[in-house]
N, C-alpha and C. Protein backbone atom coordinates (compact mmCIF):
# COMPACT_ATOMS: atom_id res chain seq x y z
N MET A 1 0.86 -1.18 0.00
CA MET A 1 0.00 0.00 0.00
C MET A 1 0.90 1.24 0.00
N LEU A 2 0.63 2.13 -0.91
CA LEU A 2 1.38 3.37 -1.05
C LEU A 2 0.45 4.52 -0.70
N ASP A 3 0.75 5.25 0.38
CA ASP A 3 -0.08 6.38 0.81
C ASP A 3 0.53 7.68 0.31
N ILE A 4 -0.22 8.40 -0.50
CA ILE A 4 0.21 9.70 -1.01
C ILE A 4 -0.60 10.75 -0.26
N PRO A 5 0.05 11.62 0.53
CA PRO A 5 -0.71 12.64 1.25
C PRO A 5 -1.18 13.75 0.29
N ALA A 6 -2.22 14.45 0.70
CA ALA A 6 -2.70 15.58 -0.10
C ALA A 6 -1.62 16.66 -0.15
N ASN A 7 -1.52 17.31 -1.28
CA ASN A 7 -0.54 18.39 -1.50
C ASN A 7 0.88 17.94 -1.21
N ASP A 8 1.20 16.71 -1.53
CA ASP A 8 2.56 16.20 -1.36
C ASP A 8 3.49 17.03 -2.24
N HIS A 9 4.66 17.37 -1.70
CA HIS A 9 5.57 18.26 -2.43
C HIS A 9 7.00 17.78 -2.28
N GLY A 10 7.74 17.80 -3.37
CA GLY A 10 9.17 17.52 -3.32
C GLY A 10 9.54 16.07 -3.11
N ALA A 11 8.66 15.15 -3.45
CA ALA A 11 8.96 13.72 -3.25
C ALA A 11 9.14 13.04 -4.61
N LEU A 12 9.99 12.04 -4.62
CA LEU A 12 10.19 11.21 -5.80
C LEU A 12 9.99 9.76 -5.36
N TYR A 13 8.97 9.11 -5.90
CA TYR A 13 8.65 7.72 -5.57
C TYR A 13 9.36 6.82 -6.57
N VAL A 14 10.17 5.90 -6.06
CA VAL A 14 10.92 4.98 -6.91
C VAL A 14 10.26 3.61 -6.78
N ILE A 15 9.68 3.12 -7.89
CA ILE A 15 8.95 1.86 -7.89
C ILE A 15 9.61 0.93 -8.91
N ALA A 16 9.92 -0.29 -8.47
CA ALA A 16 10.56 -1.28 -9.35
C ALA A 16 9.53 -2.31 -9.80
N TYR A 17 9.69 -2.77 -11.04
CA TYR A 17 8.81 -3.79 -11.61
C TYR A 17 9.66 -4.97 -12.08
N ASN A 18 9.34 -6.16 -11.58
CA ASN A 18 10.11 -7.35 -11.94
C ASN A 18 9.24 -8.43 -12.57
N GLY A 19 8.10 -8.04 -13.09
CA GLY A 19 7.20 -9.02 -13.70
C GLY A 19 7.51 -9.26 -15.16
N PRO A 20 6.71 -10.12 -15.78
CA PRO A 20 6.90 -10.41 -17.20
C PRO A 20 6.54 -9.20 -18.06
N ALA A 21 7.26 -9.02 -19.15
CA ALA A 21 7.01 -7.91 -20.05
C ALA A 21 7.10 -8.38 -21.49
N PRO A 22 6.07 -9.11 -21.97
CA PRO A 22 6.16 -9.66 -23.32
C PRO A 22 6.21 -8.58 -24.41
N ASP A 23 5.47 -7.51 -24.26
CA ASP A 23 5.46 -6.47 -25.30
C ASP A 23 5.85 -5.11 -24.73
N GLY A 24 6.67 -5.09 -23.72
CA GLY A 24 7.07 -3.82 -23.10
C GLY A 24 6.21 -3.51 -21.89
N VAL A 25 6.77 -2.79 -20.98
CA VAL A 25 6.08 -2.46 -19.74
C VAL A 25 5.44 -1.08 -19.87
N ARG A 26 4.23 -0.97 -19.37
CA ARG A 26 3.54 0.32 -19.36
C ARG A 26 3.41 0.79 -17.92
N VAL A 27 3.16 2.09 -17.77
CA VAL A 27 3.03 2.68 -16.43
C VAL A 27 1.89 2.02 -15.67
N ALA A 28 0.77 1.77 -16.32
CA ALA A 28 -0.38 1.15 -15.65
C ALA A 28 -0.05 -0.26 -15.17
N THR A 29 0.86 -0.94 -15.85
CA THR A 29 1.27 -2.28 -15.42
C THR A 29 2.03 -2.21 -14.10
N ILE A 30 2.80 -1.15 -13.92
CA ILE A 30 3.65 -1.03 -12.72
C ILE A 30 2.88 -0.49 -11.52
N ILE A 31 2.09 0.56 -11.73
CA ILE A 31 1.47 1.24 -10.59
C ILE A 31 -0.03 0.95 -10.47
N GLY A 32 -0.63 0.37 -11.48
CA GLY A 32 -2.05 0.07 -11.43
C GLY A 32 -2.87 1.20 -12.04
N PRO A 33 -4.19 1.12 -11.90
CA PRO A 33 -5.07 2.13 -12.51
C PRO A 33 -5.13 3.41 -11.67
N VAL A 34 -4.15 4.25 -11.85
CA VAL A 34 -4.06 5.50 -11.10
C VAL A 34 -3.99 6.65 -12.10
N ALA A 35 -4.73 7.71 -11.84
CA ALA A 35 -4.67 8.90 -12.70
C ALA A 35 -3.41 9.68 -12.37
N LEU A 36 -2.51 9.76 -13.35
CA LEU A 36 -1.24 10.47 -13.16
C LEU A 36 -1.06 11.51 -14.26
N ASN A 37 -0.39 12.59 -13.91
CA ASN A 37 0.05 13.56 -14.92
C ASN A 37 1.37 13.01 -15.45
N MET A 38 1.36 12.54 -16.68
CA MET A 38 2.51 11.84 -17.24
C MET A 38 3.71 12.75 -17.49
N ASP A 39 3.53 14.07 -17.35
CA ASP A 39 4.67 14.98 -17.47
C ASP A 39 5.65 14.80 -16.31
N PHE A 40 5.19 14.20 -15.23
CA PHE A 40 6.02 14.05 -14.03
C PHE A 40 6.32 12.58 -13.72
N VAL A 41 6.31 11.75 -14.74
CA VAL A 41 6.56 10.31 -14.59
C VAL A 41 7.63 9.90 -15.60
N ASP A 42 8.61 9.11 -15.14
CA ASP A 42 9.64 8.57 -16.03
C ASP A 42 9.70 7.06 -15.88
N LEU A 43 9.73 6.38 -17.00
CA LEU A 43 9.85 4.93 -17.04
C LEU A 43 11.26 4.60 -17.52
N ILE A 44 12.05 3.96 -16.65
CA ILE A 44 13.46 3.68 -16.93
C ILE A 44 13.62 2.17 -17.14
N THR A 45 14.06 1.80 -18.33
CA THR A 45 14.25 0.38 -18.65
C THR A 45 15.66 -0.05 -18.23
N PRO A 46 15.88 -1.36 -18.11
CA PRO A 46 17.23 -1.83 -17.76
C PRO A 46 18.28 -1.40 -18.79
N ASP A 47 17.91 -1.30 -20.07
CA ASP A 47 18.86 -0.86 -21.09
C ASP A 47 19.29 0.59 -20.85
N GLN A 48 18.36 1.43 -20.44
CA GLN A 48 18.69 2.83 -20.15
C GLN A 48 19.59 2.93 -18.92
N ARG A 49 19.33 2.07 -17.95
CA ARG A 49 20.14 2.10 -16.73
C ARG A 49 21.54 1.54 -16.96
N ALA A 50 21.74 0.81 -18.03
CA ALA A 50 23.07 0.28 -18.33
C ALA A 50 24.03 1.41 -18.70
N THR A 51 23.51 2.45 -19.34
CA THR A 51 24.37 3.58 -19.72
C THR A 51 24.52 4.59 -18.59
N VAL A 52 23.45 4.84 -17.85
CA VAL A 52 23.50 5.77 -16.71
C VAL A 52 22.90 5.05 -15.51
N PRO A 53 23.69 4.78 -14.48
CA PRO A 53 23.14 4.11 -13.29
C PRO A 53 22.03 4.94 -12.65
N LEU A 54 21.10 4.26 -12.02
CA LEU A 54 19.94 4.91 -11.43
C LEU A 54 20.30 6.01 -10.42
N PRO A 55 21.25 5.80 -9.50
CA PRO A 55 21.60 6.89 -8.57
C PRO A 55 22.11 8.14 -9.30
N ASP A 56 22.92 7.94 -10.34
CA ASP A 56 23.42 9.09 -11.10
C ASP A 56 22.30 9.79 -11.85
N LEU A 57 21.37 9.02 -12.38
CA LEU A 57 20.23 9.60 -13.08
C LEU A 57 19.40 10.47 -12.14
N ILE A 58 19.19 10.00 -10.92
CA ILE A 58 18.40 10.77 -9.95
C ILE A 58 19.15 12.01 -9.50
N ARG A 59 20.46 11.89 -9.27
CA ARG A 59 21.25 13.06 -8.87
C ARG A 59 21.26 14.12 -9.96
N GLN A 60 21.49 13.70 -11.20
CA GLN A 60 21.62 14.65 -12.29
C GLN A 60 20.27 15.11 -12.85
N GLY A 61 19.35 14.19 -12.99
CA GLY A 61 18.06 14.52 -13.60
C GLY A 61 17.07 15.18 -12.68
N TYR A 62 17.12 14.83 -11.40
CA TYR A 62 16.16 15.36 -10.44
C TYR A 62 16.79 16.28 -9.41
N ASP A 63 18.11 16.39 -9.44
CA ASP A 63 18.85 17.27 -8.53
C ASP A 63 18.54 16.94 -7.06
N LEU A 64 18.49 15.64 -6.77
CA LEU A 64 18.24 15.19 -5.40
C LEU A 64 19.53 14.58 -4.84
N PRO A 65 19.97 15.03 -3.67
CA PRO A 65 21.15 14.40 -3.07
C PRO A 65 20.76 13.03 -2.50
N LEU A 66 21.70 12.11 -2.56
CA LEU A 66 21.46 10.76 -2.04
C LEU A 66 22.47 10.44 -0.96
N THR A 67 22.01 9.75 0.08
CA THR A 67 22.91 9.26 1.11
C THR A 67 23.60 8.00 0.57
N PRO A 68 24.70 7.59 1.17
CA PRO A 68 25.34 6.34 0.71
C PRO A 68 24.41 5.13 0.80
N ALA A 69 23.55 5.08 1.82
CA ALA A 69 22.61 3.96 1.95
C ALA A 69 21.60 3.97 0.80
N GLN A 70 21.07 5.16 0.46
CA GLN A 70 20.13 5.26 -0.65
C GLN A 70 20.80 4.90 -1.97
N ASP A 71 22.05 5.34 -2.13
CA ASP A 71 22.81 5.02 -3.34
C ASP A 71 22.94 3.51 -3.50
N ALA A 72 23.26 2.81 -2.41
CA ALA A 72 23.42 1.35 -2.47
C ALA A 72 22.10 0.66 -2.81
N ILE A 73 21.01 1.13 -2.21
CA ILE A 73 19.70 0.53 -2.49
C ILE A 73 19.34 0.71 -3.97
N LEU A 74 19.57 1.91 -4.50
CA LEU A 74 19.21 2.19 -5.89
C LEU A 74 20.09 1.44 -6.88
N ARG A 75 21.34 1.19 -6.52
CA ARG A 75 22.23 0.43 -7.42
C ARG A 75 21.80 -1.05 -7.51
N ASP A 76 21.16 -1.56 -6.46
CA ASP A 76 20.75 -2.97 -6.43
C ASP A 76 19.39 -3.22 -7.08
N VAL A 77 18.70 -2.18 -7.53
CA VAL A 77 17.37 -2.35 -8.12
C VAL A 77 17.48 -3.09 -9.45
N GLN A 78 16.61 -4.07 -9.62
CA GLN A 78 16.57 -4.87 -10.85
C GLN A 78 15.27 -4.57 -11.59
N GLY A 79 15.26 -4.81 -12.88
CA GLY A 79 14.05 -4.67 -13.68
C GLY A 79 13.80 -3.23 -14.10
N THR A 80 12.57 -2.98 -14.51
CA THR A 80 12.16 -1.66 -14.96
C THR A 80 11.82 -0.80 -13.75
N VAL A 81 12.19 0.47 -13.81
CA VAL A 81 11.97 1.38 -12.69
C VAL A 81 11.04 2.50 -13.13
N LEU A 82 10.08 2.82 -12.27
CA LEU A 82 9.17 3.93 -12.50
C LEU A 82 9.51 5.02 -11.49
N LEU A 83 9.82 6.22 -12.00
CA LEU A 83 10.09 7.37 -11.13
C LEU A 83 8.89 8.30 -11.22
N VAL A 84 8.21 8.51 -10.10
CA VAL A 84 7.00 9.32 -10.07
C VAL A 84 7.23 10.50 -9.14
N MET A 85 7.18 11.70 -9.69
CA MET A 85 7.29 12.90 -8.86
C MET A 85 5.95 13.15 -8.17
N SER A 86 5.98 13.77 -7.02
CA SER A 86 4.75 14.00 -6.26
C SER A 86 3.75 14.86 -7.03
N ARG A 87 4.21 15.71 -7.92
CA ARG A 87 3.30 16.55 -8.71
C ARG A 87 2.44 15.73 -9.66
N ALA A 88 2.85 14.50 -9.95
CA ALA A 88 2.08 13.66 -10.87
C ALA A 88 0.71 13.30 -10.29
N PHE A 89 0.56 13.37 -8.98
CA PHE A 89 -0.70 13.01 -8.34
C PHE A 89 -1.66 14.19 -8.26
N GLY A 90 -1.24 15.36 -8.70
CA GLY A 90 -2.13 16.52 -8.76
C GLY A 90 -2.56 17.05 -7.41
N GLY A 91 -1.81 16.81 -6.37
CA GLY A 91 -2.15 17.33 -5.05
C GLY A 91 -3.25 16.55 -4.34
N GLN A 92 -3.70 15.45 -4.91
CA GLN A 92 -4.78 14.65 -4.32
C GLN A 92 -4.20 13.56 -3.43
N ALA A 93 -4.83 13.35 -2.29
CA ALA A 93 -4.44 12.24 -1.42
C ALA A 93 -4.90 10.93 -2.07
N GLN A 94 -4.01 9.95 -2.07
CA GLN A 94 -4.36 8.67 -2.70
C GLN A 94 -3.76 7.52 -1.90
N GLN A 95 -4.46 6.40 -1.95
CA GLN A 95 -3.94 5.14 -1.42
C GLN A 95 -3.86 4.18 -2.60
N ILE A 96 -2.65 3.79 -2.91
CA ILE A 96 -2.42 2.97 -4.10
C ILE A 96 -1.96 1.58 -3.67
N THR A 97 -2.65 0.57 -4.15
CA THR A 97 -2.23 -0.81 -3.93
C THR A 97 -1.43 -1.23 -5.16
N LEU A 98 -0.15 -1.43 -4.96
CA LEU A 98 0.72 -1.80 -6.07
C LEU A 98 0.47 -3.24 -6.50
N PRO A 99 0.58 -3.54 -7.79
CA PRO A 99 0.46 -4.93 -8.24
C PRO A 99 1.54 -5.80 -7.59
N ALA A 100 1.33 -7.10 -7.63
CA ALA A 100 2.23 -8.04 -6.94
C ALA A 100 3.66 -7.97 -7.46
N SER A 101 3.86 -7.68 -8.72
CA SER A 101 5.21 -7.66 -9.28
C SER A 101 5.88 -6.29 -9.16
N SER A 102 5.23 -5.34 -8.50
CA SER A 102 5.81 -4.01 -8.29
C SER A 102 6.12 -3.81 -6.82
N THR A 103 7.24 -3.15 -6.54
CA THR A 103 7.61 -2.86 -5.16
C THR A 103 8.08 -1.42 -5.06
N LEU A 104 7.73 -0.81 -3.95
CA LEU A 104 8.22 0.54 -3.67
C LEU A 104 9.64 0.41 -3.14
N VAL A 105 10.59 0.96 -3.87
CA VAL A 105 11.99 0.86 -3.47
C VAL A 105 12.29 1.88 -2.38
N THR A 106 11.97 3.13 -2.64
CA THR A 106 12.21 4.20 -1.67
C THR A 106 11.44 5.44 -2.07
N ILE A 107 11.32 6.35 -1.13
CA ILE A 107 10.74 7.67 -1.39
C ILE A 107 11.83 8.68 -1.08
N LEU A 108 12.22 9.43 -2.08
CA LEU A 108 13.25 10.45 -1.90
C LEU A 108 12.57 11.81 -1.77
N ARG A 109 13.04 12.61 -0.84
CA ARG A 109 12.46 13.94 -0.62
C ARG A 109 13.53 15.01 -0.68
N GLU A 110 13.11 16.18 -1.17
CA GLU A 110 14.01 17.33 -1.16
C GLU A 110 14.24 17.73 0.29
N THR A 111 15.46 18.10 0.60
CA THR A 111 15.74 18.60 1.94
C THR A 111 15.66 20.12 1.90
N PRO A 112 14.88 20.71 2.77
CA PRO A 112 14.77 22.18 2.76
C PRO A 112 16.10 22.83 3.11
N THR A 113 16.41 23.90 2.44
CA THR A 113 17.67 24.60 2.69
C THR A 113 17.39 25.89 3.44
N MET A 114 16.98 25.75 4.67
CA MET A 114 16.71 26.92 5.51
C MET A 114 17.90 27.12 6.44
N THR A 115 18.37 28.33 6.51
CA THR A 115 19.48 28.64 7.40
C THR A 115 18.98 29.55 8.50
N PRO A 116 19.41 29.33 9.73
CA PRO A 116 18.97 30.20 10.81
C PRO A 116 19.56 31.60 10.65
N SER A 117 18.82 32.58 11.11
CA SER A 117 19.32 33.95 11.00
C SER A 117 20.46 34.16 12.00
N GLU A 118 21.37 35.03 11.62
CA GLU A 118 22.51 35.30 12.48
C GLU A 118 22.11 36.28 13.59
N LYS A 119 22.77 36.14 14.73
CA LYS A 119 22.50 37.06 15.83
C LYS A 119 23.18 38.39 15.54
N LEU A 120 22.56 39.46 16.01
CA LEU A 120 23.15 40.79 15.84
C LEU A 120 24.34 40.93 16.77
N THR A 121 25.45 41.35 16.22
CA THR A 121 26.66 41.48 17.03
C THR A 121 27.04 42.93 17.28
N SER A 122 26.40 43.88 16.63
CA SER A 122 26.76 45.28 16.84
C SER A 122 26.12 45.81 18.12
N ALA A 123 26.67 46.92 18.62
CA ALA A 123 26.14 47.52 19.85
C ALA A 123 24.73 48.06 19.64
N SER A 124 24.41 48.43 18.40
CA SER A 124 23.08 48.97 18.14
C SER A 124 22.00 47.90 18.26
N GLY A 125 22.40 46.63 18.22
CA GLY A 125 21.44 45.55 18.34
C GLY A 125 21.10 45.22 19.79
N ALA A 126 21.83 45.77 20.73
CA ALA A 126 21.59 45.47 22.15
C ALA A 126 20.58 46.45 22.74
N GLY A 127 19.98 46.06 23.81
CA GLY A 127 19.08 46.95 24.53
C GLY A 127 17.63 46.71 24.19
N GLU A 128 16.80 47.62 24.70
CA GLU A 128 15.36 47.51 24.50
C GLU A 128 14.88 48.69 23.67
N LEU A 129 13.78 48.48 23.02
CA LEU A 129 13.18 49.56 22.24
C LEU A 129 12.43 50.49 23.18
N THR A 130 12.56 51.78 22.95
CA THR A 130 11.80 52.76 23.73
C THR A 130 10.58 53.17 22.93
N GLY A 131 9.72 53.93 23.56
CA GLY A 131 8.51 54.41 22.89
C GLY A 131 8.86 55.42 21.81
N PRO A 132 7.84 55.93 21.13
CA PRO A 132 8.11 56.92 20.09
C PRO A 132 8.67 58.20 20.72
N PRO A 133 9.49 58.94 19.97
CA PRO A 133 10.07 60.16 20.53
C PRO A 133 8.98 61.21 20.80
N ALA A 134 9.23 62.04 21.82
CA ALA A 134 8.27 63.08 22.18
C ALA A 134 8.24 64.14 21.07
N LYS A 135 7.07 64.76 20.89
CA LYS A 135 6.96 65.79 19.86
C LYS A 135 7.73 67.03 20.31
N PRO A 136 8.45 67.64 19.39
CA PRO A 136 9.19 68.86 19.76
C PRO A 136 8.23 70.03 19.97
N ARG A 137 8.68 71.00 20.76
CA ARG A 137 7.87 72.18 21.03
C ARG A 137 7.72 72.99 19.75
N LYS A 138 6.55 73.58 19.56
CA LYS A 138 6.32 74.37 18.36
C LYS A 138 7.18 75.62 18.40
N SER A 139 7.80 75.95 17.26
CA SER A 139 8.70 77.11 17.23
C SER A 139 7.92 78.41 17.25
N ASP A 140 8.62 79.50 17.62
CA ASP A 140 7.98 80.82 17.67
C ASP A 140 7.53 81.26 16.28
N ALA A 141 8.31 80.98 15.26
CA ALA A 141 7.94 81.37 13.90
C ALA A 141 6.66 80.67 13.46
N ARG A 142 6.53 79.44 13.85
CA ARG A 142 5.32 78.70 13.48
C ARG A 142 4.11 79.29 14.19
N MET A 143 4.27 79.61 15.46
CA MET A 143 3.17 80.21 16.22
C MET A 143 2.78 81.56 15.61
N SER A 144 3.77 82.37 15.20
CA SER A 144 3.47 83.67 14.60
C SER A 144 2.71 83.49 13.30
N GLY A 145 3.07 82.51 12.51
CA GLY A 145 2.38 82.24 11.26
C GLY A 145 0.94 81.82 11.50
N MET A 146 0.71 81.04 12.53
CA MET A 146 -0.65 80.60 12.84
C MET A 146 -1.51 81.78 13.29
N VAL A 147 -0.94 82.70 14.10
CA VAL A 147 -1.68 83.89 14.57
C VAL A 147 -2.00 84.78 13.38
N ALA A 148 -1.04 84.97 12.46
CA ALA A 148 -1.27 85.83 11.29
C ALA A 148 -2.35 85.24 10.39
N THR A 149 -2.36 83.93 10.22
CA THR A 149 -3.39 83.29 9.39
C THR A 149 -4.76 83.47 10.02
N ALA A 150 -4.86 83.32 11.33
CA ALA A 150 -6.15 83.50 12.01
C ALA A 150 -6.61 84.95 11.87
N ALA A 151 -5.70 85.92 12.00
CA ALA A 151 -6.07 87.34 11.87
C ALA A 151 -6.57 87.63 10.47
N LEU A 152 -5.93 87.08 9.45
CA LEU A 152 -6.37 87.31 8.07
C LEU A 152 -7.75 86.71 7.83
N LEU A 153 -8.02 85.54 8.38
CA LEU A 153 -9.34 84.92 8.22
C LEU A 153 -10.43 85.76 8.89
N ILE A 154 -10.13 86.32 10.07
CA ILE A 154 -11.11 87.16 10.78
C ILE A 154 -11.36 88.44 9.98
N MET A 155 -10.28 89.05 9.45
CA MET A 155 -10.44 90.28 8.66
C MET A 155 -11.25 89.99 7.40
N PHE A 156 -11.03 88.83 6.74
CA PHE A 156 -11.80 88.46 5.56
C PHE A 156 -13.27 88.34 5.91
N ALA A 157 -13.57 87.71 7.04
CA ALA A 157 -14.96 87.55 7.47
C ALA A 157 -15.60 88.90 7.76
N LEU A 158 -14.87 89.83 8.42
CA LEU A 158 -15.42 91.16 8.73
C LEU A 158 -15.67 91.97 7.45
N VAL A 159 -14.75 91.92 6.50
CA VAL A 159 -14.95 92.65 5.24
C VAL A 159 -16.15 92.08 4.50
N GLY A 160 -16.28 90.75 4.48
CA GLY A 160 -17.43 90.13 3.83
C GLY A 160 -18.72 90.54 4.50
N LEU A 161 -18.74 90.65 5.82
CA LEU A 161 -19.93 91.06 6.57
C LEU A 161 -20.29 92.51 6.24
N VAL A 162 -19.29 93.40 6.19
CA VAL A 162 -19.54 94.82 5.89
C VAL A 162 -20.10 94.96 4.47
N VAL A 163 -19.56 94.22 3.51
CA VAL A 163 -20.05 94.30 2.13
C VAL A 163 -21.47 93.77 2.05
N TRP A 164 -21.75 92.72 2.78
CA TRP A 164 -23.09 92.13 2.73
C TRP A 164 -24.12 93.07 3.36
N VAL A 165 -23.79 93.67 4.51
CA VAL A 165 -24.72 94.56 5.21
C VAL A 165 -24.88 95.86 4.40
N GLY A 166 -23.80 96.36 3.85
CA GLY A 166 -23.85 97.63 3.13
C GLY A 166 -24.40 97.49 1.72
N GLY A 167 -24.52 96.32 1.20
CA GLY A 167 -24.86 96.10 -0.20
C GLY A 167 -26.27 95.98 -0.52
């Protein structure tokens, strides 16, 4: 039983097929009746693996690093190999029962490359944050401008009143 979680990401499922292949092996023969996006599926025959070993193909073709244990397992695989990327399942959760002549060899996953942030080493990074700075006192020039503007508005209102009453 092969359990594919919903929205699986960054996984490569390696499935080996060792059954009879009178007229060539098809994907449905190896994995069963499963809806796959064939853009993300590779069928590797023993003849193809004779020129490029499976671990090298995965390192170069899929850019996945392999541990020495994974490398040894992949070198020992016999028969036709099906490489299925997690995107082939379309983000749907699935439970797949593999045919008797198919076996899941391994599931390879991308390792996230997250690096922890560095600690601040400068003196400006030490201490606690204070509140916002206090507002500066209004300057005398600003106050004079505000008084002059108010006086002009009052004079405008008085002139308008005189024109209205006298008119």
